[in-house]
Amino acid sequence: MGTMTEPVSRFPVVEPEDLPADLRERVDEIAGKSGFVPNIFRALGHRPAELRAFLDYHDAVMEHPDGLSKAERELVVVATSGANHCTYCIVAHGAILRVRAKDAELADRVSSNPWQVELDERGRAIIDLALALSHDSAAFGDPDLEAAREAGLTEEEIWDVGAVTALFAMSNRLAHLTALRPNPEFYLMGRLPRER
C-alpha cells in the first residue's frame, strides 16, 4: 500500500504557497472545497504558465453550464481515463463521479470495463462516443456521430463529449509522464459520508 514517502511525481513539485499569487488563490479555493491539494496542481506547479492554461481549459470544458451535466462530464473522464489506463485520473475523477452521481459503484464499473458497464441509453451513447474517440481517434467518423445523435445527444453535448475526451487524453498522458500518484483522500471520497 502506498505511503506519503513515495514521490508525487518524477519531476519537481511545488507547494501552493510557492505558486504565483493567482495560481495560489485558485489552488487554495479547490483545496478549500475538497479539504486537500490534489497532486496534479503540485506536479504542474513547477511550470506555472502550463498550470494556468490547464486550469483555464479544464474550467472551460468541465464547468460549462450547458450541455452535459457535471456528472456526465465526469463519466466521460472516468471512461476515457480507464481506456487510457491512467491511474491518477481514474482515482481522482472516480471520486468526483461518485460524489456527483451519488453512486458509490459506478466509477469502479466504468473505469474497469467501460465497454460493458450497464448504463441507460443516454449514458451508453456518451460512453460509446468517448471511447470511439479515445480508443482509435484516426478511425473516428460520421458513424460514431450518427449513433450519438440517434441516441438523442445534441450537437452541443457531442462537442462536450469530444472536448472532455480530448482534454483528458492530454491529462492522462501528463499523469503517465510524471508517474503522478493519487492523493490518498481520493480513495474514500463518495464512499463514506464526508466529515464536517
N, C-alpha and C. Protein backbone atom coordinates (compact mmCIF):
# COMPACT_ATOMS: atom_id res chain seq x y z
N MET A 1 0.84 -1.18 0.00
CA MET A 1 0.00 0.00 0.00
C MET A 1 0.89 1.25 0.00
N GLY A 2 0.45 2.30 -0.74
CA GLY A 2 1.26 3.50 -0.86
C GLY A 2 1.39 4.26 0.44
N THR A 3 2.48 4.99 0.54
CA THR A 3 2.70 5.84 1.70
C THR A 3 3.03 7.24 1.22
N MET A 4 2.98 8.18 2.13
CA MET A 4 3.27 9.57 1.77
C MET A 4 4.75 9.78 1.47
N THR A 5 5.61 8.78 1.73
CA THR A 5 7.02 8.94 1.44
C THR A 5 7.32 8.67 -0.03
N GLU A 6 6.38 8.06 -0.75
CA GLU A 6 6.56 7.85 -2.18
C GLU A 6 6.48 9.20 -2.89
N PRO A 7 7.27 9.40 -3.94
CA PRO A 7 7.21 10.69 -4.64
C PRO A 7 5.87 10.90 -5.32
N VAL A 8 5.44 12.14 -5.36
CA VAL A 8 4.20 12.51 -6.02
C VAL A 8 4.39 12.47 -7.54
N SER A 9 5.60 12.79 -8.00
CA SER A 9 5.87 12.92 -9.42
C SER A 9 7.34 12.60 -9.69
N ARG A 10 7.65 12.23 -10.91
CA ARG A 10 9.04 12.04 -11.33
C ARG A 10 9.77 13.38 -11.48
N PHE A 11 9.00 14.45 -11.54
CA PHE A 11 9.54 15.78 -11.79
C PHE A 11 9.34 16.63 -10.53
N PRO A 12 9.92 17.81 -10.49
CA PRO A 12 9.78 18.66 -9.30
C PRO A 12 8.31 18.99 -9.03
N VAL A 13 7.98 19.14 -7.76
CA VAL A 13 6.64 19.57 -7.35
C VAL A 13 6.76 20.88 -6.60
N VAL A 14 5.66 21.62 -6.61
CA VAL A 14 5.62 22.93 -5.97
C VAL A 14 4.44 22.95 -5.02
N GLU A 15 4.68 23.40 -3.82
CA GLU A 15 3.59 23.54 -2.85
C GLU A 15 2.81 24.81 -3.15
N PRO A 16 1.53 24.85 -2.81
CA PRO A 16 0.69 26.01 -3.16
C PRO A 16 1.27 27.35 -2.71
N GLU A 17 1.89 27.38 -1.54
CA GLU A 17 2.42 28.66 -1.05
C GLU A 17 3.57 29.19 -1.91
N ASP A 18 4.14 28.34 -2.76
CA ASP A 18 5.24 28.77 -3.63
C ASP A 18 4.78 29.09 -5.05
N LEU A 19 3.49 29.00 -5.31
CA LEU A 19 2.94 29.33 -6.62
C LEU A 19 2.78 30.84 -6.77
N PRO A 20 2.73 31.36 -8.01
CA PRO A 20 2.37 32.76 -8.21
C PRO A 20 1.00 33.03 -7.57
N ALA A 21 0.77 34.26 -7.17
CA ALA A 21 -0.42 34.61 -6.38
C ALA A 21 -1.73 34.17 -7.02
N ASP A 22 -1.89 34.35 -8.35
CA ASP A 22 -3.16 33.99 -8.99
C ASP A 22 -3.39 32.48 -8.93
N LEU A 23 -2.34 31.71 -9.12
CA LEU A 23 -2.47 30.25 -9.06
C LEU A 23 -2.67 29.77 -7.63
N ARG A 24 -1.97 30.39 -6.71
CA ARG A 24 -2.13 30.03 -5.30
C ARG A 24 -3.58 30.22 -4.87
N GLU A 25 -4.19 31.32 -5.32
CA GLU A 25 -5.58 31.60 -4.98
C GLU A 25 -6.51 30.53 -5.56
N ARG A 26 -6.28 30.14 -6.81
CA ARG A 26 -7.13 29.13 -7.45
C ARG A 26 -6.97 27.77 -6.79
N VAL A 27 -5.75 27.37 -6.51
CA VAL A 27 -5.49 26.07 -5.88
C VAL A 27 -6.03 26.07 -4.45
N ASP A 28 -5.86 27.18 -3.74
CA ASP A 28 -6.41 27.27 -2.38
C ASP A 28 -7.93 27.13 -2.38
N GLU A 29 -8.59 27.69 -3.37
CA GLU A 29 -10.04 27.58 -3.46
C GLU A 29 -10.45 26.12 -3.67
N ILE A 30 -9.74 25.41 -4.54
CA ILE A 30 -10.02 23.98 -4.78
C ILE A 30 -9.76 23.18 -3.50
N ALA A 31 -8.64 23.46 -2.85
CA ALA A 31 -8.30 22.75 -1.61
C ALA A 31 -9.33 23.03 -0.52
N GLY A 32 -9.87 24.24 -0.50
CA GLY A 32 -10.89 24.58 0.48
C GLY A 32 -12.15 23.76 0.31
N LYS A 33 -12.50 23.46 -0.94
CA LYS A 33 -13.69 22.65 -1.22
C LYS A 33 -13.46 21.17 -0.95
N SER A 34 -12.27 20.68 -1.30
CA SER A 34 -12.01 19.24 -1.19
C SER A 34 -11.39 18.85 0.15
N GLY A 35 -10.73 19.81 0.80
CA GLY A 35 -10.06 19.51 2.06
C GLY A 35 -8.59 19.13 1.89
N PHE A 36 -8.08 19.14 0.66
CA PHE A 36 -6.68 18.82 0.39
C PHE A 36 -6.29 19.37 -0.98
N VAL A 37 -4.97 19.43 -1.24
CA VAL A 37 -4.47 19.91 -2.52
C VAL A 37 -4.25 18.71 -3.44
N PRO A 38 -5.05 18.58 -4.51
CA PRO A 38 -4.81 17.47 -5.44
C PRO A 38 -3.39 17.54 -6.02
N ASN A 39 -2.76 16.37 -6.09
CA ASN A 39 -1.35 16.31 -6.51
C ASN A 39 -1.11 16.84 -7.92
N ILE A 40 -2.11 16.84 -8.78
CA ILE A 40 -1.91 17.36 -10.13
C ILE A 40 -1.44 18.81 -10.09
N PHE A 41 -1.94 19.59 -9.14
CA PHE A 41 -1.56 21.00 -9.06
C PHE A 41 -0.15 21.16 -8.55
N ARG A 42 0.26 20.30 -7.65
CA ARG A 42 1.64 20.32 -7.15
C ARG A 42 2.60 19.90 -8.27
N ALA A 43 2.17 18.93 -9.08
CA ALA A 43 3.04 18.44 -10.16
C ALA A 43 3.17 19.44 -11.30
N LEU A 44 2.07 20.08 -11.68
CA LEU A 44 2.14 21.05 -12.78
C LEU A 44 2.62 22.42 -12.32
N GLY A 45 2.71 22.62 -11.01
CA GLY A 45 3.08 23.92 -10.46
C GLY A 45 4.47 24.39 -10.80
N HIS A 46 5.37 23.47 -11.15
CA HIS A 46 6.73 23.91 -11.49
C HIS A 46 6.79 24.57 -12.87
N ARG A 47 5.67 24.53 -13.60
CA ARG A 47 5.56 25.23 -14.89
C ARG A 47 4.27 26.06 -14.83
N PRO A 48 4.34 27.21 -14.14
CA PRO A 48 3.12 27.99 -13.86
C PRO A 48 2.28 28.34 -15.08
N ALA A 49 2.90 28.68 -16.20
CA ALA A 49 2.12 29.04 -17.39
C ALA A 49 1.29 27.84 -17.86
N GLU A 50 1.86 26.64 -17.77
CA GLU A 50 1.13 25.45 -18.18
C GLU A 50 0.03 25.10 -17.19
N LEU A 51 0.29 25.27 -15.91
CA LEU A 51 -0.76 25.04 -14.91
C LEU A 51 -1.91 26.01 -15.12
N ARG A 52 -1.59 27.26 -15.38
CA ARG A 52 -2.63 28.28 -15.61
C ARG A 52 -3.47 27.90 -16.84
N ALA A 53 -2.81 27.52 -17.93
CA ALA A 53 -3.54 27.13 -19.15
C ALA A 53 -4.37 25.88 -18.91
N PHE A 54 -3.81 24.93 -18.18
CA PHE A 54 -4.54 23.70 -17.85
C PHE A 54 -5.80 24.01 -17.06
N LEU A 55 -5.67 24.83 -16.03
CA LEU A 55 -6.83 25.20 -15.21
C LEU A 55 -7.88 25.95 -16.02
N ASP A 56 -7.42 26.87 -16.88
CA ASP A 56 -8.37 27.64 -17.69
C ASP A 56 -9.14 26.72 -18.63
N TYR A 57 -8.44 25.82 -19.32
CA TYR A 57 -9.13 24.93 -20.26
C TYR A 57 -9.99 23.92 -19.50
N HIS A 58 -9.47 23.40 -18.41
CA HIS A 58 -10.26 22.48 -17.59
C HIS A 58 -11.58 23.13 -17.18
N ASP A 59 -11.51 24.34 -16.66
CA ASP A 59 -12.71 25.02 -16.20
C ASP A 59 -13.66 25.31 -17.36
N ALA A 60 -13.12 25.71 -18.51
CA ALA A 60 -13.97 26.00 -19.67
C ALA A 60 -14.72 24.74 -20.12
N VAL A 61 -14.07 23.60 -20.07
CA VAL A 61 -14.67 22.35 -20.54
C VAL A 61 -15.54 21.69 -19.46
N MET A 62 -15.03 21.63 -18.25
CA MET A 62 -15.70 20.87 -17.19
C MET A 62 -16.76 21.65 -16.43
N GLU A 63 -16.68 22.98 -16.45
CA GLU A 63 -17.63 23.80 -15.71
C GLU A 63 -18.63 24.53 -16.61
N HIS A 64 -18.65 24.17 -17.88
CA HIS A 64 -19.58 24.80 -18.83
C HIS A 64 -21.01 24.57 -18.35
N PRO A 65 -21.83 25.64 -18.31
CA PRO A 65 -23.16 25.49 -17.70
C PRO A 65 -24.18 24.75 -18.55
N ASP A 66 -23.95 24.61 -19.83
CA ASP A 66 -24.91 23.96 -20.72
C ASP A 66 -24.38 22.60 -21.17
N GLY A 67 -25.22 21.86 -21.86
CA GLY A 67 -24.80 20.57 -22.41
C GLY A 67 -24.83 19.48 -21.37
N LEU A 68 -23.79 18.68 -21.34
CA LEU A 68 -23.72 17.56 -20.40
C LEU A 68 -23.76 18.05 -18.96
N SER A 69 -24.35 17.25 -18.09
CA SER A 69 -24.32 17.57 -16.66
C SER A 69 -22.90 17.37 -16.13
N LYS A 70 -22.64 17.87 -14.94
CA LYS A 70 -21.31 17.69 -14.34
C LYS A 70 -21.02 16.22 -14.11
N ALA A 71 -22.03 15.45 -13.71
CA ALA A 71 -21.82 14.00 -13.51
C ALA A 71 -21.52 13.32 -14.84
N GLU A 72 -22.21 13.72 -15.91
CA GLU A 72 -21.94 13.11 -17.23
C GLU A 72 -20.53 13.45 -17.72
N ARG A 73 -20.07 14.66 -17.44
CA ARG A 73 -18.70 15.02 -17.82
C ARG A 73 -17.70 14.14 -17.08
N GLU A 74 -17.95 13.90 -15.80
CA GLU A 74 -17.06 13.02 -15.03
C GLU A 74 -17.14 11.58 -15.52
N LEU A 75 -18.31 11.16 -15.98
CA LEU A 75 -18.46 9.84 -16.57
C LEU A 75 -17.52 9.69 -17.77
N VAL A 76 -17.46 10.72 -18.61
CA VAL A 76 -16.55 10.71 -19.76
C VAL A 76 -15.10 10.64 -19.29
N VAL A 77 -14.75 11.43 -18.28
CA VAL A 77 -13.37 11.42 -17.78
C VAL A 77 -12.98 10.03 -17.30
N VAL A 78 -13.84 9.40 -16.52
CA VAL A 78 -13.50 8.10 -15.95
C VAL A 78 -13.41 7.04 -17.05
N ALA A 79 -14.33 7.06 -18.01
CA ALA A 79 -14.27 6.09 -19.10
C ALA A 79 -13.02 6.29 -19.96
N THR A 80 -12.74 7.53 -20.30
CA THR A 80 -11.55 7.85 -21.10
C THR A 80 -10.28 7.48 -20.35
N SER A 81 -10.21 7.81 -19.09
CA SER A 81 -9.02 7.52 -18.28
C SER A 81 -8.86 6.02 -18.08
N GLY A 82 -9.97 5.30 -17.97
CA GLY A 82 -9.90 3.85 -17.89
C GLY A 82 -9.35 3.26 -19.18
N ALA A 83 -9.85 3.75 -20.31
CA ALA A 83 -9.37 3.28 -21.61
C ALA A 83 -7.88 3.59 -21.80
N ASN A 84 -7.43 4.70 -21.20
CA ASN A 84 -6.02 5.10 -21.31
C ASN A 84 -5.16 4.59 -20.16
N HIS A 85 -5.75 3.81 -19.26
CA HIS A 85 -5.02 3.21 -18.13
C HIS A 85 -4.33 4.26 -17.25
N CYS A 86 -5.02 5.35 -16.99
CA CYS A 86 -4.44 6.43 -16.20
C CYS A 86 -4.90 6.32 -14.74
N THR A 87 -4.05 5.79 -13.90
CA THR A 87 -4.41 5.57 -12.51
C THR A 87 -4.79 6.87 -11.81
N TYR A 88 -4.00 7.92 -11.98
CA TYR A 88 -4.31 9.17 -11.27
C TYR A 88 -5.72 9.66 -11.61
N CYS A 89 -6.03 9.75 -12.89
CA CYS A 89 -7.32 10.31 -13.28
C CYS A 89 -8.48 9.38 -12.95
N ILE A 90 -8.25 8.06 -13.03
CA ILE A 90 -9.29 7.12 -12.63
C ILE A 90 -9.62 7.32 -11.15
N VAL A 91 -8.60 7.42 -10.32
CA VAL A 91 -8.82 7.55 -8.88
C VAL A 91 -9.41 8.92 -8.55
N ALA A 92 -8.81 9.99 -9.06
CA ALA A 92 -9.27 11.34 -8.73
C ALA A 92 -10.66 11.61 -9.27
N HIS A 93 -10.87 11.33 -10.53
CA HIS A 93 -12.17 11.63 -11.13
C HIS A 93 -13.21 10.56 -10.83
N GLY A 94 -12.76 9.37 -10.49
CA GLY A 94 -13.69 8.37 -9.97
C GLY A 94 -14.32 8.87 -8.69
N ALA A 95 -13.51 9.52 -7.85
CA ALA A 95 -14.02 10.09 -6.61
C ALA A 95 -15.06 11.18 -6.90
N ILE A 96 -14.74 12.04 -7.85
CA ILE A 96 -15.67 13.13 -8.19
C ILE A 96 -16.95 12.56 -8.79
N LEU A 97 -16.82 11.52 -9.64
CA LEU A 97 -18.01 10.90 -10.22
C LEU A 97 -18.88 10.27 -9.13
N ARG A 98 -18.26 9.61 -8.16
CA ARG A 98 -19.05 9.03 -7.07
C ARG A 98 -19.86 10.11 -6.36
N VAL A 99 -19.24 11.26 -6.13
CA VAL A 99 -19.92 12.36 -5.44
C VAL A 99 -21.02 12.95 -6.32
N ARG A 100 -20.70 13.25 -7.57
CA ARG A 100 -21.67 13.93 -8.45
C ARG A 100 -22.83 13.02 -8.87
N ALA A 101 -22.54 11.73 -9.07
CA ALA A 101 -23.60 10.79 -9.48
C ALA A 101 -24.32 10.19 -8.28
N LYS A 102 -23.78 10.44 -7.09
CA LYS A 102 -24.34 9.86 -5.85
C LYS A 102 -24.46 8.34 -5.99
N ASP A 103 -23.37 7.74 -6.51
CA ASP A 103 -23.32 6.30 -6.76
C ASP A 103 -21.92 5.82 -6.40
N ALA A 104 -21.81 5.01 -5.37
CA ALA A 104 -20.50 4.56 -4.88
C ALA A 104 -19.85 3.51 -5.76
N GLU A 105 -20.59 2.93 -6.72
CA GLU A 105 -20.05 1.84 -7.54
C GLU A 105 -19.80 2.20 -9.00
N LEU A 106 -20.49 3.19 -9.51
CA LEU A 106 -20.44 3.50 -10.94
C LEU A 106 -19.02 3.73 -11.46
N ALA A 107 -18.23 4.52 -10.76
CA ALA A 107 -16.89 4.85 -11.24
C ALA A 107 -16.02 3.60 -11.36
N ASP A 108 -16.13 2.69 -10.41
CA ASP A 108 -15.33 1.46 -10.47
C ASP A 108 -15.74 0.61 -11.67
N ARG A 109 -17.05 0.52 -11.92
CA ARG A 109 -17.52 -0.28 -13.05
C ARG A 109 -17.11 0.35 -14.38
N VAL A 110 -17.22 1.66 -14.47
CA VAL A 110 -16.87 2.35 -15.72
C VAL A 110 -15.37 2.29 -15.97
N SER A 111 -14.57 2.50 -14.95
CA SER A 111 -13.11 2.53 -15.16
C SER A 111 -12.55 1.15 -15.47
N SER A 112 -13.15 0.11 -14.92
CA SER A 112 -12.58 -1.22 -15.15
C SER A 112 -13.00 -1.82 -16.49
N ASN A 113 -14.22 -1.51 -16.95
CA ASN A 113 -14.65 -2.02 -18.25
C ASN A 113 -15.73 -1.11 -18.82
N PRO A 114 -15.33 0.04 -19.38
CA PRO A 114 -16.32 0.99 -19.87
C PRO A 114 -17.14 0.46 -21.05
N TRP A 115 -16.63 -0.54 -21.74
CA TRP A 115 -17.34 -1.08 -22.89
C TRP A 115 -18.53 -1.92 -22.48
N GLN A 116 -18.50 -2.49 -21.28
CA GLN A 116 -19.55 -3.42 -20.87
C GLN A 116 -20.41 -2.94 -19.71
N VAL A 117 -20.08 -1.84 -19.09
CA VAL A 117 -20.86 -1.38 -17.94
C VAL A 117 -22.31 -1.10 -18.37
N GLU A 118 -23.24 -1.48 -17.52
CA GLU A 118 -24.66 -1.26 -17.81
C GLU A 118 -25.02 0.19 -17.49
N LEU A 119 -25.56 0.86 -18.51
CA LEU A 119 -25.98 2.26 -18.38
C LEU A 119 -27.30 2.43 -19.11
N ASP A 120 -27.99 3.54 -18.84
CA ASP A 120 -29.18 3.83 -19.64
C ASP A 120 -28.72 4.24 -21.05
N GLU A 121 -29.68 4.42 -21.95
CA GLU A 121 -29.34 4.68 -23.36
C GLU A 121 -28.48 5.93 -23.52
N ARG A 122 -28.81 6.97 -22.78
CA ARG A 122 -28.04 8.22 -22.87
C ARG A 122 -26.61 8.02 -22.37
N GLY A 123 -26.47 7.41 -21.20
CA GLY A 123 -25.14 7.16 -20.66
C GLY A 123 -24.31 6.28 -21.57
N ARG A 124 -24.95 5.26 -22.15
CA ARG A 124 -24.24 4.37 -23.07
C ARG A 124 -23.76 5.13 -24.29
N ALA A 125 -24.60 6.02 -24.83
CA ALA A 125 -24.21 6.81 -26.00
C ALA A 125 -23.05 7.73 -25.68
N ILE A 126 -23.07 8.34 -24.52
CA ILE A 126 -21.99 9.23 -24.09
C ILE A 126 -20.68 8.45 -24.00
N ILE A 127 -20.73 7.31 -23.33
CA ILE A 127 -19.52 6.49 -23.16
C ILE A 127 -19.02 5.95 -24.50
N ASP A 128 -19.93 5.46 -25.32
CA ASP A 128 -19.51 4.90 -26.61
C ASP A 128 -18.83 5.96 -27.48
N LEU A 129 -19.36 7.17 -27.47
CA LEU A 129 -18.75 8.25 -28.24
C LEU A 129 -17.36 8.58 -27.70
N ALA A 130 -17.24 8.69 -26.39
CA ALA A 130 -15.94 8.98 -25.78
C ALA A 130 -14.93 7.88 -26.07
N LEU A 131 -15.36 6.64 -25.99
CA LEU A 131 -14.45 5.51 -26.25
C LEU A 131 -14.03 5.45 -27.71
N ALA A 132 -14.95 5.75 -28.61
CA ALA A 132 -14.60 5.75 -30.04
C ALA A 132 -13.52 6.78 -30.33
N LEU A 133 -13.63 7.93 -29.69
CA LEU A 133 -12.65 9.00 -29.91
C LEU A 133 -11.34 8.72 -29.18
N SER A 134 -11.41 8.15 -28.00
CA SER A 134 -10.18 7.92 -27.23
C SER A 134 -9.44 6.66 -27.65
N HIS A 135 -10.17 5.65 -28.08
CA HIS A 135 -9.52 4.37 -28.39
C HIS A 135 -8.80 4.39 -29.72
N ASP A 136 -9.43 4.91 -30.76
CA ASP A 136 -8.81 4.96 -32.09
C ASP A 136 -9.30 6.21 -32.80
N SER A 137 -8.71 7.33 -32.43
CA SER A 137 -9.20 8.62 -32.94
C SER A 137 -9.08 8.74 -34.45
N ALA A 138 -8.13 8.06 -35.06
CA ALA A 138 -7.98 8.13 -36.51
C ALA A 138 -9.15 7.47 -37.23
N ALA A 139 -9.80 6.51 -36.58
CA ALA A 139 -10.94 5.81 -37.18
C ALA A 139 -12.27 6.47 -36.84
N PHE A 140 -12.23 7.49 -35.98
CA PHE A 140 -13.46 8.18 -35.57
C PHE A 140 -14.09 8.86 -36.77
N GLY A 141 -15.42 8.78 -36.87
CA GLY A 141 -16.05 9.43 -38.02
C GLY A 141 -17.55 9.56 -37.90
N ASP A 142 -18.18 9.78 -39.05
CA ASP A 142 -19.62 10.04 -39.11
C ASP A 142 -20.47 8.95 -38.47
N PRO A 143 -20.14 7.66 -38.62
CA PRO A 143 -20.99 6.65 -37.96
C PRO A 143 -21.03 6.82 -36.43
N ASP A 144 -19.92 7.23 -35.83
CA ASP A 144 -19.89 7.47 -34.38
C ASP A 144 -20.80 8.64 -34.02
N LEU A 145 -20.75 9.69 -34.81
CA LEU A 145 -21.59 10.85 -34.55
C LEU A 145 -23.07 10.53 -34.76
N GLU A 146 -23.36 9.77 -35.81
CA GLU A 146 -24.76 9.41 -36.09
C GLU A 146 -25.35 8.56 -34.97
N ALA A 147 -24.56 7.64 -34.44
CA ALA A 147 -25.04 6.80 -33.32
C ALA A 147 -25.36 7.67 -32.11
N ALA A 148 -24.53 8.66 -31.85
CA ALA A 148 -24.78 9.57 -30.72
C ALA A 148 -26.05 10.39 -30.96
N ARG A 149 -26.22 10.87 -32.17
CA ARG A 149 -27.42 11.65 -32.50
C ARG A 149 -28.68 10.79 -32.38
N GLU A 150 -28.60 9.57 -32.88
CA GLU A 150 -29.75 8.67 -32.81
C GLU A 150 -30.14 8.36 -31.36
N ALA A 151 -29.16 8.39 -30.46
CA ALA A 151 -29.44 8.16 -29.05
C ALA A 151 -29.97 9.41 -28.36
N GLY A 152 -30.03 10.53 -29.09
CA GLY A 152 -30.63 11.74 -28.55
C GLY A 152 -29.65 12.82 -28.09
N LEU A 153 -28.36 12.61 -28.29
CA LEU A 153 -27.40 13.65 -27.90
C LEU A 153 -27.48 14.82 -28.87
N THR A 154 -27.44 16.02 -28.34
CA THR A 154 -27.44 17.23 -29.17
C THR A 154 -26.02 17.49 -29.69
N GLU A 155 -25.93 18.40 -30.64
CA GLU A 155 -24.61 18.76 -31.18
C GLU A 155 -23.71 19.33 -30.08
N GLU A 156 -24.29 20.14 -29.18
CA GLU A 156 -23.51 20.70 -28.07
C GLU A 156 -23.03 19.60 -27.12
N GLU A 157 -23.88 18.63 -26.86
CA GLU A 157 -23.48 17.52 -25.98
C GLU A 157 -22.42 16.65 -26.63
N ILE A 158 -22.53 16.46 -27.94
CA ILE A 158 -21.49 15.70 -28.66
C ILE A 158 -20.16 16.44 -28.57
N TRP A 159 -20.22 17.76 -28.76
CA TRP A 159 -18.99 18.56 -28.62
C TRP A 159 -18.42 18.41 -27.21
N ASP A 160 -19.28 18.47 -26.20
CA ASP A 160 -18.83 18.30 -24.82
C ASP A 160 -18.10 16.98 -24.63
N VAL A 161 -18.67 15.90 -25.13
CA VAL A 161 -18.01 14.59 -25.01
C VAL A 161 -16.63 14.64 -25.65
N GLY A 162 -16.55 15.22 -26.85
CA GLY A 162 -15.27 15.30 -27.54
C GLY A 162 -14.27 16.18 -26.82
N ALA A 163 -14.72 17.32 -26.31
CA ALA A 163 -13.81 18.23 -25.62
C ALA A 163 -13.28 17.62 -24.33
N VAL A 164 -14.16 16.95 -23.56
CA VAL A 164 -13.72 16.31 -22.32
C VAL A 164 -12.75 15.17 -22.64
N THR A 165 -13.08 14.37 -23.65
CA THR A 165 -12.21 13.26 -24.04
C THR A 165 -10.84 13.78 -24.46
N ALA A 166 -10.80 14.84 -25.24
CA ALA A 166 -9.53 15.40 -25.70
C ALA A 166 -8.72 15.98 -24.55
N LEU A 167 -9.37 16.72 -23.67
CA LEU A 167 -8.67 17.29 -22.51
C LEU A 167 -8.03 16.19 -21.68
N PHE A 168 -8.76 15.11 -21.46
CA PHE A 168 -8.22 14.07 -20.61
C PHE A 168 -7.27 13.13 -21.33
N ALA A 169 -7.27 13.13 -22.66
CA ALA A 169 -6.19 12.44 -23.37
C ALA A 169 -4.87 13.12 -23.01
N MET A 170 -4.88 14.46 -22.98
CA MET A 170 -3.70 15.21 -22.58
C MET A 170 -3.38 14.97 -21.11
N SER A 171 -4.37 15.11 -20.26
CA SER A 171 -4.16 14.95 -18.83
C SER A 171 -3.66 13.56 -18.49
N ASN A 172 -4.24 12.53 -19.11
CA ASN A 172 -3.79 11.15 -18.87
C ASN A 172 -2.32 10.99 -19.24
N ARG A 173 -1.91 11.60 -20.32
CA ARG A 173 -0.52 11.46 -20.75
C ARG A 173 0.44 12.24 -19.86
N LEU A 174 0.01 13.38 -19.36
CA LEU A 174 0.84 14.09 -18.38
C LEU A 174 0.99 13.26 -17.10
N ALA A 175 -0.09 12.61 -16.69
CA ALA A 175 -0.03 11.77 -15.50
C ALA A 175 0.91 10.59 -15.72
N HIS A 176 0.90 10.01 -16.92
CA HIS A 176 1.83 8.92 -17.23
C HIS A 176 3.28 9.43 -17.24
N LEU A 177 3.50 10.58 -17.87
CA LEU A 177 4.84 11.17 -17.95
C LEU A 177 5.41 11.38 -16.55
N THR A 178 4.59 11.90 -15.67
CA THR A 178 5.07 12.27 -14.33
C THR A 178 4.98 11.14 -13.31
N ALA A 179 4.35 10.01 -13.69
CA ALA A 179 4.06 8.93 -12.73
C ALA A 179 3.31 9.52 -11.53
N LEU A 180 2.31 10.32 -11.83
CA LEU A 180 1.58 11.07 -10.82
C LEU A 180 0.83 10.13 -9.88
N ARG A 181 1.03 10.34 -8.60
CA ARG A 181 0.42 9.49 -7.57
C ARG A 181 -0.85 10.16 -7.05
N PRO A 182 -1.97 9.41 -7.03
CA PRO A 182 -3.20 9.98 -6.49
C PRO A 182 -3.08 10.28 -5.00
N ASN A 183 -3.75 11.33 -4.56
CA ASN A 183 -3.83 11.63 -3.13
C ASN A 183 -4.61 10.52 -2.44
N PRO A 184 -4.19 10.12 -1.25
CA PRO A 184 -4.92 9.08 -0.52
C PRO A 184 -6.37 9.47 -0.26
N GLU A 185 -6.65 10.75 -0.11
CA GLU A 185 -8.01 11.21 0.20
C GLU A 185 -9.02 10.84 -0.88
N PHE A 186 -8.56 10.73 -2.13
CA PHE A 186 -9.48 10.43 -3.23
C PHE A 186 -10.14 9.05 -3.07
N TYR A 187 -9.41 8.11 -2.48
CA TYR A 187 -9.90 6.73 -2.46
C TYR A 187 -11.21 6.55 -1.69
N LEU A 188 -11.45 7.37 -0.68
CA LEU A 188 -12.66 7.23 0.12
C LEU A 188 -13.75 8.23 -0.24
N MET A 189 -13.44 9.24 -1.03
CA MET A 189 -14.44 10.24 -1.40
C MET A 189 -15.62 9.58 -2.09
N GLY A 190 -16.82 9.92 -1.65
CA GLY A 190 -18.02 9.39 -2.27
C GLY A 190 -18.36 7.98 -1.83
N ARG A 191 -17.52 7.41 -0.98
CA ARG A 191 -17.80 6.07 -0.44
C ARG A 191 -18.27 6.15 1.00
N LEU A 192 -17.76 7.15 1.73
CA LEU A 192 -18.11 7.35 3.13
C LEU A 192 -18.67 8.76 3.28
N PRO A 193 -19.54 8.98 4.26
CA PRO A 193 -20.04 10.34 4.48
C PRO A 193 -18.89 11.30 4.75
N ARG A 194 -18.97 12.49 4.19
CA ARG A 194 -17.92 13.49 4.38
C ARG A 194 -17.97 14.04 5.78
N GLU A 195 -16.80 14.12 6.42
CA GLU A 195 -16.71 14.71 7.77
C GLU A 195 -16.80 16.21 7.65
N ARG A 196 -17.50 16.78 8.57
CA ARG A 196 -17.65 18.25 8.56
C ARG A 196 -16.79 18.88 9.62
